[in-house]
Amino acid sequence: MICVSLGRARHQKMIAEHRYLVEQGAQLVELRLDYITRAVNLKRLVNDRPGPVVLTVRRKEDGGRWEKSEQERLMLLRSAIAIGVEYIDIEADVAAQIPRYGSTKRIISYHDFSGTPDDLEELHAAMAGEDADIVKIATMANTFADNVRMIQLVEKSKIPTIGICMGELGMMTRILSNRVGSPFTYATFSTDKKLAPGQLNWKEMNSVYHYESIDKDTALFGVIADPVAHSHSPLIHNAAFIDAGLNARYLPFRVPKDDLQTFMNTCHSVGIEGISITIPHKEAALDYCTQAEASATGIGAINTMVFQGEERLGYNTDYRAAMDCIEETFGIQRGVENSMQGKVALILGAGGVSRAVAWGLRQRKCEVYISSRTQERSQILAAEIGCHTVEWDQRHTVKAHLLVNGTPLGMHPNVDTSPYNMTAMNQYMIVFDTVYNPENTLLIKNAKRKGARIITGVDMFVRQAAYQYRLFTGKDAPTDLMRQKIKQATNPVQEN
């Protein structure tokens, strides 16, 4: 079950949104009384409530907004119990001052916005001893291992427990609450109304992750990145899983660069079976593979890892997808040896995607030039792959048949930038932008104006995801559905 948190300054707004949520199917709503700016009229809020509620009056030190006296706060909590609300949230340190009464269930809570304590088990035991119906522990995740400890705590608990790691690092604990036996998890009413760090929108929890049907048998996959919240991979992979009737979910895992080893050492313990890998981990993740396909080894980077027992199998579906897009646009049949011989390509950027594309083109005997804003990175990549380099301010001098943008220039929200001048384009070029949000970047728009053939980031994104889906499931991906989902997400308003 999802508990949707509401924090509004006015009674009227909170009541209206509560009714709306219940009409939309919300089973439980948290009313954050500390957000109300005037004197709280408790009876007005709950006497004619349309559905069950959790009443919370959070102090500032616990992440709330309560500014009046502690005595008034405790009196408000006692009054809520007397009225007979379904749940009351009581901080562990004041639980003894608010006795049980009637049928109201007691959520004994603890919040730590700095980290996750080492003594989670002892903390949990002490809270359970405060006449708790539910124990709620919400701490800040500073490492992936914090998530693992929290999940294992909830799984082992004999009393109903809600264990949440806050922040972007801890999103998985919110999504997997049902899987590990929590009575409910918390979500926000809307994306712009988050009441706690890392809180997800309740519609997203339902429409993207299908929270209620996640169980102990659900196969887990995901994407590791830093940052990760912007990724659309969960959207398209979960849509594909649901379409195929598979009991599987794909989650976002924020993994900072210095936390990669911890992730690799612990992710299998919480049931993760495969991952997509993106910035900044594509090259470093290769070192954690027990086996890797030849192209991944040649490129020096992976974007996919599949766990089979103790084996970690590495793949690079960026390379496969990019080559499919390029050869198809050039009209070259797949599998033709030296298919790009005689062609010249200019690749902008020296990151993971550029590395994959450059390696694939060199394997096909294409002459490749690398240009990035950091010349040293260009030189390192060129030396490893066997390419030429060109200074960033000289990039327009290369007479290329194929232009590839492997930089983030033009990505949302910086949609008015382009890594290449339109005046240097011509109708004989193929312009390939690996940016997929938006699909019609300024680079792509300019290429169309010049009559060039184009390959969009959506083309590549869907193809690489389809390859990953097959590696994860052994089944062919519903590419039309994937393409539809990513287009809806990146082009919500039809462009002129």
Protein backbone atom coordinates (compact mmCIF):
# COMPACT_ATOMS: atom_id res chain seq x y z
CA MET A 1 0.00 0.00 0.00
CA ILE A 2 1.12 3.55 -0.74
CA CYS A 3 0.57 6.33 1.78
CA VAL A 4 0.40 9.65 -0.06
CA SER A 5 1.79 12.55 1.98
CA LEU A 6 -0.04 15.87 1.91
CA GLY A 7 1.47 19.08 3.26
CA ARG A 8 -0.54 22.23 2.58
CA ALA A 9 -0.74 25.60 4.30
CA ARG A 10 -4.54 25.80 4.17
CA HIS A 11 -7.20 23.43 5.47
CA GLN A 12 -9.34 23.85 2.36
CA LYS A 13 -6.51 22.82 0.02
CA MET A 14 -5.58 19.78 2.11
CA ILE A 15 -9.21 18.62 2.31
CA ALA A 16 -9.71 19.03 -1.45
CA GLU A 17 -6.54 17.14 -2.32
CA HIS A 18 -7.41 14.39 0.16
CA ARG A 19 -10.76 13.87 -1.57
CA TYR A 20 -9.12 13.90 -4.99
CA LEU A 21 -6.57 11.27 -3.94
CA VAL A 22 -9.25 8.94 -2.61
CA GLU A 23 -11.26 9.37 -5.81
CA GLN A 24 -8.12 8.40 -7.73
CA GLY A 25 -7.73 5.22 -5.67
CA ALA A 26 -5.38 6.24 -2.86
CA GLN A 27 -5.87 3.86 0.06
CA LEU A 28 -4.06 5.87 2.73
CA VAL A 29 -3.15 9.56 3.05
CA GLU A 30 -0.78 11.26 5.49
CA LEU A 31 -1.95 14.68 6.65
CA ARG A 32 1.07 16.76 7.66
CA LEU A 33 -0.45 19.15 10.18
CA ASP A 34 2.88 20.94 10.68
CA TYR A 35 2.46 22.48 7.20
CA ILE A 36 -0.76 24.30 8.15
CA THR A 37 0.09 27.93 8.84
CA ARG A 38 -2.96 28.87 10.90
CA ALA A 39 -4.37 27.21 14.03
CA VAL A 40 -5.12 23.60 13.16
CA ASN A 41 -8.84 22.76 13.06
CA LEU A 42 -8.55 19.03 13.54
CA LYS A 43 -12.26 18.25 13.35
CA ARG A 44 -12.56 20.09 10.05
CA LEU A 45 -9.78 17.98 8.59
CA VAL A 46 -10.85 14.53 9.78
CA ASN A 47 -14.53 14.41 10.80
CA ASP A 48 -15.75 13.88 7.22
CA ARG A 49 -12.55 12.36 5.89
CA PRO A 50 -13.07 10.35 2.69
CA GLY A 51 -10.55 7.66 3.64
CA PRO A 52 -8.05 6.44 6.25
CA VAL A 53 -5.34 8.84 7.40
CA VAL A 54 -2.00 9.03 9.14
CA LEU A 55 -1.79 12.22 11.20
CA THR A 56 1.69 13.68 11.58
CA VAL A 57 2.92 16.85 13.29
CA ARG A 58 6.64 16.90 12.57
CA ARG A 59 9.14 19.02 14.52
CA LYS A 60 11.77 21.03 12.65
CA GLU A 61 14.60 18.85 13.97
CA ASP A 62 12.84 15.86 12.39
CA GLY A 63 12.40 17.56 9.02
CA GLY A 64 9.04 19.17 9.72
CA ARG A 65 7.70 22.73 9.91
CA TRP A 66 6.10 22.91 13.36
CA GLU A 67 6.88 26.31 14.90
CA LYS A 68 4.62 26.37 17.95
CA SER A 69 5.34 24.88 21.36
CA GLU A 70 6.03 21.22 21.99
CA GLN A 71 3.16 21.16 24.48
CA GLU A 72 0.72 22.27 21.76
CA ARG A 73 2.09 19.66 19.39
CA LEU A 74 1.65 16.82 21.87
CA MET A 75 -1.86 18.02 22.67
CA LEU A 76 -2.71 17.94 18.94
CA LEU A 77 -1.46 14.36 18.67
CA ARG A 78 -3.49 13.30 21.74
CA SER A 79 -6.58 15.00 20.28
CA ALA A 80 -6.16 13.09 17.03
CA ILE A 81 -6.11 9.83 18.97
CA ALA A 82 -9.21 10.86 20.89
CA ILE A 83 -11.05 11.60 17.64
CA GLY A 84 -10.13 8.10 16.45
CA VAL A 85 -7.96 8.58 13.35
CA GLU A 86 -6.56 5.39 11.86
CA TYR A 87 -2.84 6.08 12.43
CA ILE A 88 -0.82 8.58 14.44
CA ASP A 89 2.89 9.21 13.88
CA ILE A 90 4.78 9.67 17.14
CA GLU A 91 8.53 10.26 17.42
CA ALA A 92 10.26 7.64 19.54
CA ASP A 93 11.53 10.10 22.14
CA VAL A 94 8.01 11.31 23.05
CA ALA A 95 6.11 8.05 22.60
CA ALA A 96 5.83 7.47 26.37
CA GLN A 97 4.03 10.81 26.74
CA ILE A 98 1.22 9.84 24.37
CA PRO A 99 -0.63 6.77 25.67
CA ARG A 100 -2.60 4.38 23.50
CA TYR A 101 -6.34 5.00 23.29
CA GLY A 102 -9.10 3.43 21.24
CA SER A 103 -8.39 1.85 17.86
CA THR A 104 -5.78 4.35 16.63
CA LYS A 105 -2.58 2.56 15.60
CA ARG A 106 0.74 3.96 16.77
CA ILE A 107 3.55 4.54 14.26
CA ILE A 108 6.70 5.06 16.31
CA SER A 109 9.12 6.99 14.12
CA TYR A 110 12.75 8.05 13.96
CA HIS A 111 14.42 10.37 11.43
CA ASP A 112 18.10 11.01 10.73
CA PHE A 113 18.86 13.41 7.89
CA SER A 114 22.63 13.00 8.14
CA GLY A 115 23.14 9.27 7.76
CA THR A 116 22.12 5.73 8.64
CA PRO A 117 23.19 4.70 12.16
CA ASP A 118 25.41 1.67 12.65
CA ASP A 119 23.13 0.38 15.42
CA LEU A 120 19.95 0.00 13.35
CA GLU A 121 18.93 -3.24 15.07
CA GLU A 122 19.29 -1.76 18.56
CA LEU A 123 17.42 1.36 17.52
CA HIS A 124 14.62 -0.74 16.06
CA ALA A 125 14.33 -2.88 19.18
CA ALA A 126 14.05 0.19 21.43
CA MET A 127 11.34 1.70 19.23
CA ALA A 128 9.37 -1.53 19.12
CA GLY A 129 9.34 -1.43 22.91
CA GLU A 130 7.41 1.88 22.88
CA ASP A 131 4.06 0.14 22.37
CA ALA A 132 4.44 0.34 18.60
CA ASP A 133 1.99 -1.06 16.07
CA ILE A 134 4.42 0.00 13.34
CA VAL A 135 8.05 1.04 13.58
CA LYS A 136 9.13 3.66 11.04
CA ILE A 137 12.83 4.42 10.54
CA ALA A 138 13.83 7.02 7.94
CA THR A 139 17.54 7.74 7.56
CA MET A 140 19.73 9.36 4.94
CA ALA A 141 21.52 6.96 2.60
CA ASN A 142 25.18 7.86 2.09
CA THR A 143 26.16 4.60 0.43
CA PHE A 144 24.43 1.71 -1.32
CA ALA A 145 25.25 -0.47 1.70
CA ASP A 146 22.87 1.68 3.78
CA ASN A 147 20.02 0.51 1.54
CA VAL A 148 21.04 -3.11 1.97
CA ARG A 149 21.14 -2.82 5.76
CA MET A 150 17.74 -1.12 5.84
CA ILE A 151 16.14 -3.70 3.58
CA GLN A 152 17.55 -6.57 5.62
CA LEU A 153 16.33 -4.95 8.86
CA VAL A 154 12.75 -4.76 7.54
CA GLU A 155 12.86 -8.32 6.19
CA LYS A 156 13.98 -9.74 9.55
CA SER A 157 11.66 -7.66 11.72
CA LYS A 158 8.90 -9.47 13.63
CA ILE A 159 6.91 -6.24 14.06
CA PRO A 160 5.55 -4.35 11.01
CA THR A 161 8.33 -1.99 9.98
CA ILE A 162 8.72 0.80 7.45
CA GLY A 163 12.41 1.25 6.66
CA ILE A 164 13.27 4.10 4.33
CA CYS A 165 16.61 5.45 3.21
CA MET A 166 16.11 9.04 2.17
CA GLY A 167 17.77 10.88 -0.68
CA GLU A 168 18.31 9.85 -4.28
CA LEU A 169 20.61 7.05 -3.10
CA GLY A 170 17.73 5.52 -1.15
CA MET A 171 14.92 5.48 -3.73
CA MET A 172 15.05 1.69 -3.99
CA THR A 173 13.96 1.29 -0.36
CA ARG A 174 10.75 3.17 -1.13
CA ILE A 175 9.99 1.16 -4.26
CA LEU A 176 10.76 -2.22 -2.65
CA SER A 177 8.87 -1.70 0.62
CA ASN A 178 6.08 -4.07 -0.40
CA ARG A 179 8.61 -6.72 -1.44
CA VAL A 180 10.26 -6.77 2.00
CA GLY A 181 7.05 -6.78 4.03
CA SER A 182 6.46 -3.14 5.02
CA PRO A 183 2.80 -2.31 5.72
CA PHE A 184 3.10 0.67 3.38
CA THR A 185 5.52 3.14 1.83
CA TYR A 186 5.32 6.90 1.43
CA ALA A 187 4.98 8.88 -1.80
CA THR A 188 4.31 12.51 -2.58
CA PHE A 189 1.17 13.99 -4.12
CA SER A 190 3.06 15.62 -6.99
CA THR A 191 6.63 15.89 -8.24
CA ASP A 192 7.01 19.49 -7.06
CA LYS A 193 5.59 18.81 -3.58
CA LYS A 194 8.16 16.45 -2.06
CA LEU A 195 8.01 16.38 1.73
CA ALA A 196 11.15 14.28 2.21
CA PRO A 197 14.39 13.81 0.21
CA GLY A 198 14.09 11.14 -2.47
CA GLN A 199 10.32 10.82 -2.22
CA LEU A 200 8.68 9.67 -5.47
CA ASN A 201 5.39 10.80 -6.94
CA TRP A 202 2.55 8.37 -6.13
CA LYS A 203 1.43 8.25 -9.77
CA GLU A 204 4.97 7.29 -10.79
CA MET A 205 5.01 4.58 -8.13
CA ASN A 206 1.89 3.12 -9.72
CA SER A 207 2.29 3.80 -13.43
CA VAL A 208 6.05 3.19 -13.80
CA TYR A 209 6.89 0.73 -11.01
CA HIS A 210 3.47 -0.91 -10.43
CA TYR A 211 4.30 -0.91 -6.74
CA GLU A 212 1.43 -3.02 -5.43
CA SER A 213 2.35 -6.09 -7.50
CA ILE A 214 6.03 -6.18 -6.49
CA ASP A 215 6.61 -9.26 -4.33
CA LYS A 216 9.38 -11.54 -3.10
CA ASP A 217 9.51 -13.33 -6.46
CA THR A 218 9.92 -10.16 -8.52
CA ALA A 219 13.15 -10.21 -10.53
CA LEU A 220 15.11 -6.99 -10.06
CA PHE A 221 17.07 -5.05 -12.66
CA GLY A 222 18.11 -1.43 -12.85
CA VAL A 223 20.43 1.31 -14.00
CA ILE A 224 23.44 2.56 -12.05
CA ALA A 225 24.49 6.16 -12.60
CA ASP A 226 25.29 9.38 -10.78
CA PRO A 227 22.96 11.23 -11.02
CA VAL A 228 20.18 8.81 -11.92
CA ALA A 229 16.79 10.45 -11.26
CA HIS A 230 16.67 11.87 -14.81
CA SER A 231 16.98 8.43 -16.46
CA HIS A 232 14.09 7.22 -18.62
CA SER A 233 15.37 3.63 -18.62
CA PRO A 234 12.99 2.57 -15.79
CA LEU A 235 10.06 3.92 -17.81
CA ILE A 236 10.71 1.85 -20.92
CA HIS A 237 12.01 -1.34 -19.29
CA ASN A 238 9.14 -1.55 -16.81
CA ALA A 239 6.63 -0.93 -19.58
CA ALA A 240 8.23 -3.79 -21.51
CA PHE A 241 8.14 -6.12 -18.48
CA ILE A 242 4.47 -5.38 -17.81
CA ASP A 243 3.57 -5.75 -21.49
CA ALA A 244 5.15 -9.22 -21.52
CA GLY A 245 3.52 -10.23 -18.24
CA LEU A 246 6.89 -10.69 -16.54
CA ASN A 247 7.20 -10.40 -12.77
CA ALA A 248 10.22 -8.12 -13.03
CA ARG A 249 11.05 -4.51 -12.21
CA TYR A 250 13.74 -2.08 -13.29
CA LEU A 251 14.87 0.51 -10.71
CA PRO A 252 17.12 3.58 -10.64
CA PHE A 253 20.22 3.08 -8.48
CA ARG A 254 22.26 6.17 -7.76
CA VAL A 255 25.83 4.96 -7.25
CA PRO A 256 28.52 7.62 -6.72
CA LYS A 257 31.87 6.95 -8.36
CA ASP A 258 33.54 6.02 -5.07
CA ASP A 259 30.67 3.67 -4.15
CA LEU A 260 30.89 1.35 -7.17
CA GLN A 261 32.81 -1.37 -5.33
CA THR A 262 30.29 -1.39 -2.49
CA PHE A 263 27.46 -1.72 -5.00
CA MET A 264 29.13 -4.59 -6.81
CA ASN A 265 29.84 -6.39 -3.54
CA THR A 266 26.31 -6.09 -2.15
CA CYS A 267 23.79 -5.71 -4.98
CA HIS A 268 23.31 -9.44 -5.50
CA SER A 269 22.34 -9.84 -1.83
CA VAL A 270 19.13 -7.86 -2.40
CA GLY A 271 18.20 -9.83 -5.52
CA ILE A 272 19.49 -7.67 -8.38
CA GLU A 273 19.96 -9.86 -11.48
CA GLY A 274 21.18 -7.38 -14.06
CA ILE A 275 22.06 -3.73 -14.52
CA SER A 276 22.42 -1.07 -17.14
CA ILE A 277 25.52 1.06 -16.58
CA THR A 278 25.99 4.67 -17.53
CA ILE A 279 27.96 7.79 -16.53
CA PRO A 280 30.33 7.66 -14.68
CA HIS A 281 30.76 3.87 -14.43
CA LYS A 282 31.03 2.45 -17.97
CA GLU A 283 34.80 2.03 -17.96
CA ALA A 284 35.34 1.18 -14.29
CA ALA A 285 32.58 -1.47 -14.29
CA LEU A 286 34.53 -3.56 -16.79
CA ASP A 287 37.01 -4.42 -14.03
CA TYR A 288 34.23 -6.13 -12.06
CA CYS A 289 33.28 -8.56 -14.85
CA THR A 290 34.25 -12.21 -14.57
CA GLN A 291 33.60 -12.44 -18.32
CA ALA A 292 33.01 -9.78 -20.99
CA GLU A 293 32.17 -10.00 -24.66
CA ALA A 294 35.00 -9.22 -27.08
CA SER A 295 33.55 -5.87 -28.14
CA ALA A 296 33.33 -4.71 -24.50
CA THR A 297 36.95 -5.66 -23.93
CA GLY A 298 38.00 -3.92 -27.13
CA ILE A 299 36.09 -0.77 -26.28
CA GLY A 300 37.27 -0.80 -22.69
CA ALA A 301 33.78 -0.13 -21.36
CA ILE A 302 30.47 -1.85 -20.70
CA ASN A 303 26.94 -0.58 -20.32
CA THR A 304 25.29 -3.86 -19.30
CA MET A 305 26.05 -6.49 -16.67
CA VAL A 306 24.15 -9.71 -16.04
CA PHE A 307 24.59 -11.71 -12.84
CA GLN A 308 24.52 -15.51 -13.15
CA GLY A 309 25.40 -17.07 -9.82
CA GLU A 310 28.91 -15.86 -9.06
CA GLU A 311 29.45 -14.78 -12.65
CA ARG A 312 29.30 -11.13 -13.77
CA LEU A 313 28.88 -10.98 -17.52
CA GLY A 314 29.67 -7.70 -19.27
CA TYR A 315 28.28 -6.37 -22.56
CA ASN A 316 28.27 -3.15 -24.56
CA THR A 317 24.89 -2.66 -26.20
CA ASP A 318 25.72 0.99 -26.97
CA TYR A 319 28.15 -0.31 -29.57
CA ARG A 320 25.69 -2.75 -31.11
CA ALA A 321 22.89 -0.17 -31.25
CA ALA A 322 25.07 2.58 -32.71
CA MET A 323 26.45 0.33 -35.45
CA ASP A 324 22.95 -0.87 -36.36
CA CYS A 325 21.77 2.75 -36.67
CA ILE A 326 24.78 3.86 -38.73
CA GLU A 327 24.90 0.93 -41.15
CA GLU A 328 21.15 1.05 -41.70
CA THR A 329 21.26 4.79 -42.50
CA PHE A 330 24.19 4.30 -44.90
CA GLY A 331 22.24 1.47 -46.53
CA ILE A 332 24.83 -1.15 -45.57
CA GLN A 333 23.70 -4.70 -44.93
CA ARG A 334 24.53 -5.89 -41.42
CA GLY A 335 27.58 -8.12 -41.15
CA VAL A 336 29.41 -6.78 -44.21
CA GLU A 337 33.15 -6.80 -43.53
CA ASN A 338 34.93 -3.41 -43.58
CA SER A 339 31.53 -1.82 -44.19
CA MET A 340 32.72 1.75 -43.46
CA GLN A 341 35.96 1.67 -45.41
CA GLY A 342 36.46 4.93 -47.31
CA LYS A 343 34.19 6.86 -44.97
CA VAL A 344 35.29 9.64 -42.58
CA ALA A 345 33.61 10.18 -39.21
CA LEU A 346 33.93 13.05 -36.75
CA ILE A 347 32.99 12.12 -33.19
CA LEU A 348 32.37 14.92 -30.70
CA GLY A 349 33.22 13.97 -27.13
CA ALA A 350 35.52 11.38 -25.60
CA GLY A 351 33.22 9.67 -23.07
CA GLY A 352 31.74 6.19 -22.92
CA VAL A 353 29.36 6.50 -25.86
CA SER A 354 32.02 8.10 -28.06
CA ARG A 355 34.40 5.30 -27.15
CA ALA A 356 31.87 2.63 -28.17
CA VAL A 357 31.03 4.33 -31.47
CA ALA A 358 34.69 5.00 -32.31
CA TRP A 359 35.68 1.39 -31.67
CA GLY A 360 32.84 0.07 -33.80
CA LEU A 361 33.67 2.39 -36.69
CA ARG A 362 37.37 1.51 -36.57
CA GLN A 363 36.47 -2.19 -36.65
CA ARG A 364 34.69 -1.42 -39.90
CA LYS A 365 37.72 0.46 -41.28
CA CYS A 366 36.23 3.95 -41.00
CA GLU A 367 38.64 6.87 -40.64
CA VAL A 368 37.71 8.47 -37.31
CA TYR A 369 38.49 11.89 -35.82
CA ILE A 370 37.87 12.58 -32.13
CA SER A 371 37.25 16.12 -30.88
CA SER A 372 36.35 17.04 -27.32
CA ARG A 373 36.61 20.08 -25.13
CA THR A 374 39.35 18.31 -23.20
CA GLN A 375 42.10 17.59 -25.69
CA GLU A 376 43.90 15.21 -23.34
CA ARG A 377 40.87 12.91 -23.21
CA SER A 378 40.64 12.97 -26.99
CA GLN A 379 44.29 11.99 -27.30
CA ILE A 380 43.95 9.11 -24.83
CA LEU A 381 40.89 7.73 -26.60
CA ALA A 382 42.45 8.15 -30.03
CA ALA A 383 45.61 6.34 -28.95
CA GLU A 384 43.63 3.43 -27.50
CA ILE A 385 41.21 3.03 -30.40
CA GLY A 386 43.43 4.06 -33.30
CA CYS A 387 41.89 7.38 -34.33
CA HIS A 388 42.94 10.91 -35.20
CA THR A 389 42.30 13.91 -32.95
CA VAL A 390 41.33 17.44 -33.84
CA GLU A 391 41.23 20.46 -31.55
CA TRP A 392 37.72 21.43 -30.46
CA ASP A 393 37.91 24.86 -32.13
CA GLN A 394 39.08 23.16 -35.36
CA ARG A 395 36.36 20.49 -35.49
CA HIS A 396 34.48 22.11 -38.37
CA THR A 397 37.50 21.69 -40.66
CA VAL A 398 37.07 17.90 -40.85
CA LYS A 399 35.29 16.83 -44.05
CA ALA A 400 33.17 14.08 -42.55
CA HIS A 401 30.57 11.76 -44.04
CA LEU A 402 29.32 11.02 -40.52
CA LEU A 403 29.04 13.43 -37.59
CA VAL A 404 28.39 11.88 -34.15
CA ASN A 405 27.60 13.91 -31.05
CA GLY A 406 28.68 11.99 -27.97
CA THR A 407 28.57 15.05 -25.68
CA PRO A 408 25.63 16.17 -23.50
CA LEU A 409 25.41 19.47 -25.40
CA GLY A 410 21.80 20.03 -26.41
CA MET A 411 20.39 17.82 -23.65
CA HIS A 412 17.41 19.01 -21.63
CA PRO A 413 17.23 21.58 -20.14
CA ASN A 414 19.97 23.20 -22.27
CA VAL A 415 18.04 22.68 -25.48
CA ASP A 416 19.25 25.87 -27.17
CA THR A 417 22.84 24.69 -27.48
CA SER A 418 24.50 22.64 -30.20
CA PRO A 419 28.00 21.15 -30.40
CA TYR A 420 28.32 21.84 -34.13
CA ASN A 421 27.56 24.82 -36.37
CA MET A 422 24.85 24.42 -38.98
CA THR A 423 26.94 26.30 -41.55
CA ALA A 424 29.45 23.42 -41.59
CA MET A 425 26.76 20.82 -42.41
CA ASN A 426 25.67 19.70 -45.85
CA GLN A 427 23.03 17.47 -47.41
CA TYR A 428 25.51 14.64 -47.97
CA MET A 429 26.30 14.17 -44.27
CA ILE A 430 24.71 11.81 -41.80
CA VAL A 431 24.24 13.52 -38.43
CA PHE A 432 23.91 11.25 -35.41
CA ASP A 433 23.04 12.80 -32.02
CA THR A 434 23.22 10.36 -29.09
CA VAL A 435 21.24 12.78 -26.89
CA TYR A 436 17.68 11.46 -26.59
CA ASN A 437 16.06 14.09 -24.36
CA PRO A 438 14.83 15.89 -26.35
CA GLU A 439 14.81 13.77 -29.48
CA ASN A 440 14.79 16.80 -31.74
CA THR A 441 17.86 18.55 -30.39
CA LEU A 442 19.08 21.77 -31.97
CA LEU A 443 21.75 19.73 -33.74
CA ILE A 444 19.09 17.47 -35.27
CA LYS A 445 16.88 20.42 -36.22
CA ASN A 446 19.80 22.13 -37.96
CA ALA A 447 20.72 18.92 -39.77
CA LYS A 448 17.17 18.63 -41.09
CA ARG A 449 17.29 22.23 -42.31
CA LYS A 450 20.47 21.41 -44.27
CA GLY A 451 18.90 18.30 -45.78
CA ALA A 452 21.25 15.88 -44.01
CA ARG A 453 20.16 12.38 -43.06
CA ILE A 454 19.75 11.99 -39.32
CA ILE A 455 19.96 9.43 -36.54
CA THR A 456 18.38 10.54 -33.28
CA GLY A 457 19.28 9.59 -29.74
CA VAL A 458 15.89 7.89 -29.42
CA ASP A 459 16.84 5.52 -32.25
CA MET A 460 19.98 4.46 -30.43
CA PHE A 461 18.43 4.51 -26.94
CA VAL A 462 15.63 2.14 -27.89
CA ARG A 463 17.94 -0.23 -29.74
CA GLN A 464 20.48 -0.47 -26.91
CA ALA A 465 17.64 -0.97 -24.40
CA ALA A 466 16.16 -3.71 -26.58
CA TYR A 467 19.50 -5.53 -26.60
CA GLN A 468 19.64 -5.18 -22.80
CA TYR A 469 16.09 -6.48 -22.44
CA ARG A 470 17.02 -9.61 -24.36
CA LEU A 471 20.12 -10.12 -22.21
CA PHE A 472 17.99 -9.71 -19.06
CA THR A 473 15.02 -11.86 -20.11
CA GLY A 474 16.01 -13.99 -23.10
CA LYS A 475 13.04 -12.51 -24.98
CA ASP A 476 12.68 -10.04 -27.84
CA ALA A 477 11.83 -6.53 -26.66
CA PRO A 478 8.63 -4.70 -27.64
CA THR A 479 10.57 -1.95 -29.41
CA ASP A 480 7.48 -0.11 -30.68
CA LEU A 481 6.20 0.21 -27.11
CA MET A 482 9.61 1.32 -25.87
CA ARG A 483 9.83 3.95 -28.60
CA GLN A 484 6.32 5.18 -27.81
CA LYS A 485 7.10 5.54 -24.09
CA ILE A 486 10.35 7.43 -24.59
CA LYS A 487 8.80 9.75 -27.16
CA GLN A 488 5.91 10.53 -24.79
CA ALA A 489 8.36 11.27 -21.97
CA THR A 490 10.75 13.47 -23.96
CA ASN A 491 8.21 15.18 -26.23
CA PRO A 492 5.16 15.82 -24.02
CA VAL A 493 4.16 18.74 -26.24
CA GLN A 494 4.18 18.27 -29.99
CA GLU A 495 6.83 20.47 -31.55
CA ASN A 496 6.04 22.73 -34.49
